[in-house]
C-alpha atoms as a PDB file:
ATOM      1  CA  MET A   1     104.802-103.914  52.931  1.00  0.00           C
ATOM      2  CA  GLU A   2     101.149-104.615  52.154  1.00  0.00           C
ATOM      3  CA  ASP A   3      99.854-108.118  51.658  1.00  0.00           C
ATOM      4  CA  ILE A   4      98.551-107.470  48.182  1.00  0.00           C
ATOM      5  CA  LEU A   5      99.736-108.508  44.746  1.00  0.00           C
ATOM      6  CA  ASP A   6     100.079-105.611  42.331  1.00  0.00           C
ATOM      7  CA  VAL A   7      98.484-107.309  39.321  1.00  0.00           C
ATOM      8  CA  GLU A   8      98.974-104.282  37.094  1.00  0.00           C
ATOM      9  CA  ASN A   9     102.711-104.371  37.800  1.00  0.00           C
ATOM     10  CA  LEU A  10     102.658-108.137  37.241  1.00  0.00           C
ATOM     11  CA  ALA A  11     101.153-107.582  33.773  1.00  0.00           C
ATOM     12  CA  ILE A  12     103.846-105.009  32.995  1.00  0.00           C
ATOM     13  CA  LEU A  13     106.575-107.435  34.075  1.00  0.00           C
ATOM     14  CA  TYR A  14     105.089-110.247  31.985  1.00  0.00           C
ATOM     15  CA  GLN A  15     104.970-107.927  28.972  1.00  0.00           C
ATOM     16  CA  ARG A  16     108.616-107.016  29.580  1.00  0.00           C
ATOM     17  CA  LYS A  17     109.507-110.708  29.800  1.00  0.00           C
ATOM     18  CA  TYR A  18     107.674-111.362  26.521  1.00  0.00           C
ATOM     19  CA  THR A  19     109.617-108.533  24.876  1.00  0.00           C
ATOM     20  CA  TYR A  20     112.928-109.971  26.078  1.00  0.00           C
ATOM     21  CA  ILE A  21     111.988-113.429  24.822  1.00  0.00           C
ATOM     22  CA  LYS A  22     111.049-111.851  21.486  1.00  0.00           C
ATOM     23  CA  ASP A  23     114.550-110.317  21.446  1.00  0.00           C
ATOM     24  CA  VAL A  24     116.034-113.782  22.045  1.00  0.00           C
ATOM     25  CA  LYS A  25     113.938-115.107  19.162  1.00  0.00           C
ATOM     26  CA  ASN A  26     115.049-112.306  16.826  1.00  0.00           C
ATOM     27  CA  LEU A  27     118.707-112.844  17.737  1.00  0.00           C
ATOM     28  CA  THR A  28     118.258-116.580  17.183  1.00  0.00           C
ATOM     29  CA  ASP A  29     116.802-115.849  13.740  1.00  0.00           C
ATOM     30  CA  GLU A  30     119.830-113.704  12.926  1.00  0.00           C
ATOM     31  CA  LEU A  31     122.145-116.376  14.296  1.00  0.00           C
ATOM     32  CA  SER A  32     120.564-118.997  12.047  1.00  0.00           C
ATOM     33  CA  GLN A  33     121.183-116.823   8.998  1.00  0.00           C
ATOM     34  CA  VAL A  34     124.772-116.024  10.021  1.00  0.00           C
ATOM     35  CA  LEU A  35     125.618-119.671  10.674  1.00  0.00           C
ATOM     36  CA  SER A  36     124.427-120.673   7.236  1.00  0.00           C
ATOM     37  CA  GLY A  37     127.028-118.253   5.859  1.00  0.00           C
ATOM     38  CA  ASN A  38     129.821-119.565   8.125  1.00  0.00           C
ATOM     39  CA  ASP A  39     130.483-116.145   9.711  1.00  0.00           C
ATOM     40  CA  GLY A  40     131.962-117.189  13.042  1.00  0.00           C
ATOM     41  CA  TYR A  41     132.832-113.686  14.244  1.00  0.00           C
ATOM     42  CA  THR A  42     129.292-112.347  13.806  1.00  0.00           C
ATOM     43  CA  ALA A  43     127.875-115.548  15.280  1.00  0.00           C
ATOM     44  CA  GLU A  44     129.957-115.035  18.423  1.00  0.00           C
ATOM     45  CA  ILE A  45     128.690-111.460  18.799  1.00  0.00           C
ATOM     46  CA  LEU A  46     125.103-112.629  18.345  1.00  0.00           C
ATOM     47  CA  LEU A  47     125.583-115.404  20.882  1.00  0.00           C
ATOM     48  CA  ASP A  48     126.820-112.821  23.423  1.00  0.00           C
ATOM     49  CA  GLU A  49     123.842-110.559  22.708  1.00  0.00           C
ATOM     50  CA  ARG A  50     121.514-113.547  22.979  1.00  0.00           C
ATOM     51  CA  MET A  51     122.973-114.484  26.357  1.00  0.00           C
ATOM     52  CA  ASP A  52     122.404-110.921  27.583  1.00  0.00           C
ATOM     53  CA  ALA A  53     118.760-111.111  26.489  1.00  0.00           C
ATOM     54  CA  ILE A  54     118.371-114.501  28.222  1.00  0.00           C
ATOM     55  CA  LYS A  55     119.772-112.972  31.423  1.00  0.00           C
ATOM     56  CA  LYS A  56     117.158-110.204  31.182  1.00  0.00           C
ATOM     57  CA  VAL A  57     114.449-112.880  30.882  1.00  0.00           C
ATOM     58  CA  GLN A  58     115.833-114.658  33.951  1.00  0.00           C
ATOM     59  CA  HIS A  59     115.999-111.452  35.974  1.00  0.00           C
ATOM     60  CA  THR A  60     112.423-110.522  35.054  1.00  0.00           C
ATOM     61  CA  THR A  61     111.231-114.028  35.944  1.00  0.00           C
ATOM     62  CA  GLU A  62     112.853-113.716  39.360  1.00  0.00           C
ATOM     63  CA  THR A  63     111.237-110.306  39.857  1.00  0.00           C
ATOM     64  CA  ILE A  64     107.837-111.757  38.930  1.00  0.00           C
ATOM     65  CA  GLU A  65     108.230-114.575  41.416  1.00  0.00           C
ATOM     66  CA  LEU A  66     109.195-112.127  44.181  1.00  0.00           C
ATOM     67  CA  LEU A  67     105.915-110.223  43.807  1.00  0.00           C
ATOM     68  CA  GLY A  68     104.080-113.020  45.590  1.00  0.00           C
ATOM     69  CA  GLU A  69     106.185-112.689  48.706  1.00  0.00           C
ATOM     70  CA  ALA A  70     104.340-109.669  50.095  1.00  0.00           C
ATOM     71  CA  GLY A  71     102.322-111.951  52.368  1.00  0.00           C
ATOM     72  CA  PRO A  72      99.894-114.895  52.446  1.00  0.00           C
ATOM     73  CA  LYS A  73      97.126-113.201  50.401  1.00  0.00           C
ATOM     74  CA  ALA A  74      99.604-112.068  47.764  1.00  0.00           C
ATOM     75  CA  ALA A  75     101.056-115.569  47.685  1.00  0.00           C
ATOM     76  CA  LEU A  76      97.630-117.082  46.938  1.00  0.00           C
ATOM     77  CA  ILE A  77      96.971-114.698  44.065  1.00  0.00           C
ATOM     78  CA  ALA A  78     100.548-115.068  42.816  1.00  0.00           C
ATOM     79  CA  HIS A  79     100.236-118.854  42.812  1.00  0.00           C
ATOM     80  CA  ARG A  80      97.073-118.584  40.727  1.00  0.00           C
ATOM     81  CA  LEU A  81      98.496-116.060  38.231  1.00  0.00           C
ATOM     82  CA  ILE A  82     102.189-117.000  38.111  1.00  0.00           C
ATOM     83  CA  PHE A  83     102.496-120.709  38.777  1.00  0.00           C
ATOM     84  CA  THR A  84      99.225-122.081  37.400  1.00  0.00           C
ATOM     85  CA  ASP A  85      99.038-123.185  33.770  1.00  0.00           C
ATOM     86  CA  PRO A  86      97.847-120.059  31.956  1.00  0.00           C
ATOM     87  CA  GLU A  87      95.022-121.972  30.255  1.00  0.00           C
ATOM     88  CA  GLU A  88      93.620-122.816  33.699  1.00  0.00           C
ATOM     89  CA  ILE A  89      93.591-119.240  34.984  1.00  0.00           C
ATOM     90  CA  VAL A  90      90.102-117.812  35.451  1.00  0.00           C
ATOM     91  CA  PRO A  91      90.686-114.043  35.454  1.00  0.00           C
ATOM     92  CA  GLU A  92      88.762-111.972  37.964  1.00  0.00           C
ATOM     93  CA  THR A  93      89.853-108.555  36.648  1.00  0.00           C
ATOM     94  CA  GLU A  94      91.003-107.013  33.389  1.00  0.00           C
ATOM     95  CA  ASP A  95      94.610-106.958  34.654  1.00  0.00           C
ATOM     96  CA  GLU A  96      94.392-110.682  35.442  1.00  0.00           C
ATOM     97  CA  LYS A  97      93.017-111.311  31.932  1.00  0.00           C
ATOM     98  CA  LEU A  98      95.947-109.367  30.542  1.00  0.00           C
ATOM     99  CA  VAL A  99      98.394-111.496  32.582  1.00  0.00           C
ATOM    100  CA  LYS A 100      96.749-114.658  31.258  1.00  0.00           C
ATOM    101  CA  ASP A 101      96.846-113.433  27.627  1.00  0.00           C
ATOM    102  CA  ILE A 102     100.503-112.405  27.844  1.00  0.00           C
ATOM    103  CA  ARG A 103     101.454-115.720  29.466  1.00  0.00           C
ATOM    104  CA  LEU A 104      99.699-117.660  26.680  1.00  0.00           C
ATOM    105  CA  LYS A 105     101.428-115.552  24.016  1.00  0.00           C
ATOM    106  CA  THR A 106     104.765-116.018  25.787  1.00  0.00           C
ATOM    107  CA  ARG A 107     104.338-119.792  26.037  1.00  0.00           C
ATOM    108  CA  SER A 108     103.667-120.002  22.301  1.00  0.00           C
ATOM    109  CA  LEU A 109     106.783-117.945  21.543  1.00  0.00           C
ATOM    110  CA  ILE A 110     108.897-120.116  23.857  1.00  0.00           C
ATOM    111  CA  LYS A 111     107.735-123.291  22.087  1.00  0.00           C
ATOM    112  CA  GLU A 112     108.680-121.772  18.747  1.00  0.00           C
ATOM    113  CA  LEU A 113     112.082-120.753  20.121  1.00  0.00           C
ATOM    114  CA  GLN A 114     112.683-124.226  21.582  1.00  0.00           C
ATOM    115  CA  MET A 115     112.048-125.839  18.181  1.00  0.00           C
ATOM    116  CA  GLN A 116     114.393-123.375  16.535  1.00  0.00           C
ATOM    117  CA  ASP A 117     117.099-124.038  19.167  1.00  0.00           C
ATOM    118  CA  ARG A 118     116.720-127.755  18.584  1.00  0.00           C
ATOM    119  CA  ARG A 119     117.219-127.341  14.828  1.00  0.00           C
ATOM    120  CA  LEU A 120     120.272-125.132  15.402  1.00  0.00           C
ATOM    121  CA  ASN A 121     121.763-127.616  17.851  1.00  0.00           C
ATOM    122  CA  ILE A 122     121.336-130.477  15.415  1.00  0.00           C
ATOM    123  CA  GLN A 123     122.777-128.390  12.577  1.00  0.00           C
ATOM    124  CA  LEU A 124     125.831-127.309  14.567  1.00  0.00           C
ATOM    125  CA  ALA A 125     126.600-130.398  16.626  1.00  0.00           C
ATOM    126  CA  GLN A 126     125.492-132.968  14.043  1.00  0.00           C
ATOM    127  CA  ASP A 127     126.249-136.452  15.461  1.00  0.00           C
ATOM    128  CA  LYS A 128     127.163-135.003  18.862  1.00  0.00           C
ATOM    129  CA  SER A 129     123.869-133.141  19.187  1.00  0.00           C
ATOM    130  CA  TYR A 130     121.942-133.556  22.410  1.00  0.00           C
ATOM    131  CA  TYR A 131     118.820-134.048  20.279  1.00  0.00           C
ATOM    132  CA  ARG A 132     120.173-136.807  18.043  1.00  0.00           C
ATOM    133  CA  GLU A 133     118.429-140.105  18.527  1.00  0.00           C
END
């Protein structure tokens, strides 16, 4: 195993992760609509599909993190591209710029999804919501 980080593969994995998070967002949108209509059966199916998409995100995240384990040089580059705040990344190649751009886009989508999850939790759990003050 070479001590080099495959940045092109890293970009592909980050794009895949973004796509899976987008799937979670779309399923959450559908879930919001279904819950407003009190369709428990469809909501349960959507929750199962959403959990499958979340598992895909988790698996891809684990795969991304494993890329930096090729050796010390790969670990240094991985730390810079995977674990550093994406706004602080100074890309040295086009692939690194692509990784940065995808990570920024993903972070924005995650924030949007977190706000939506919070609203859903408050709507469903009401006084027992984790987010209630």
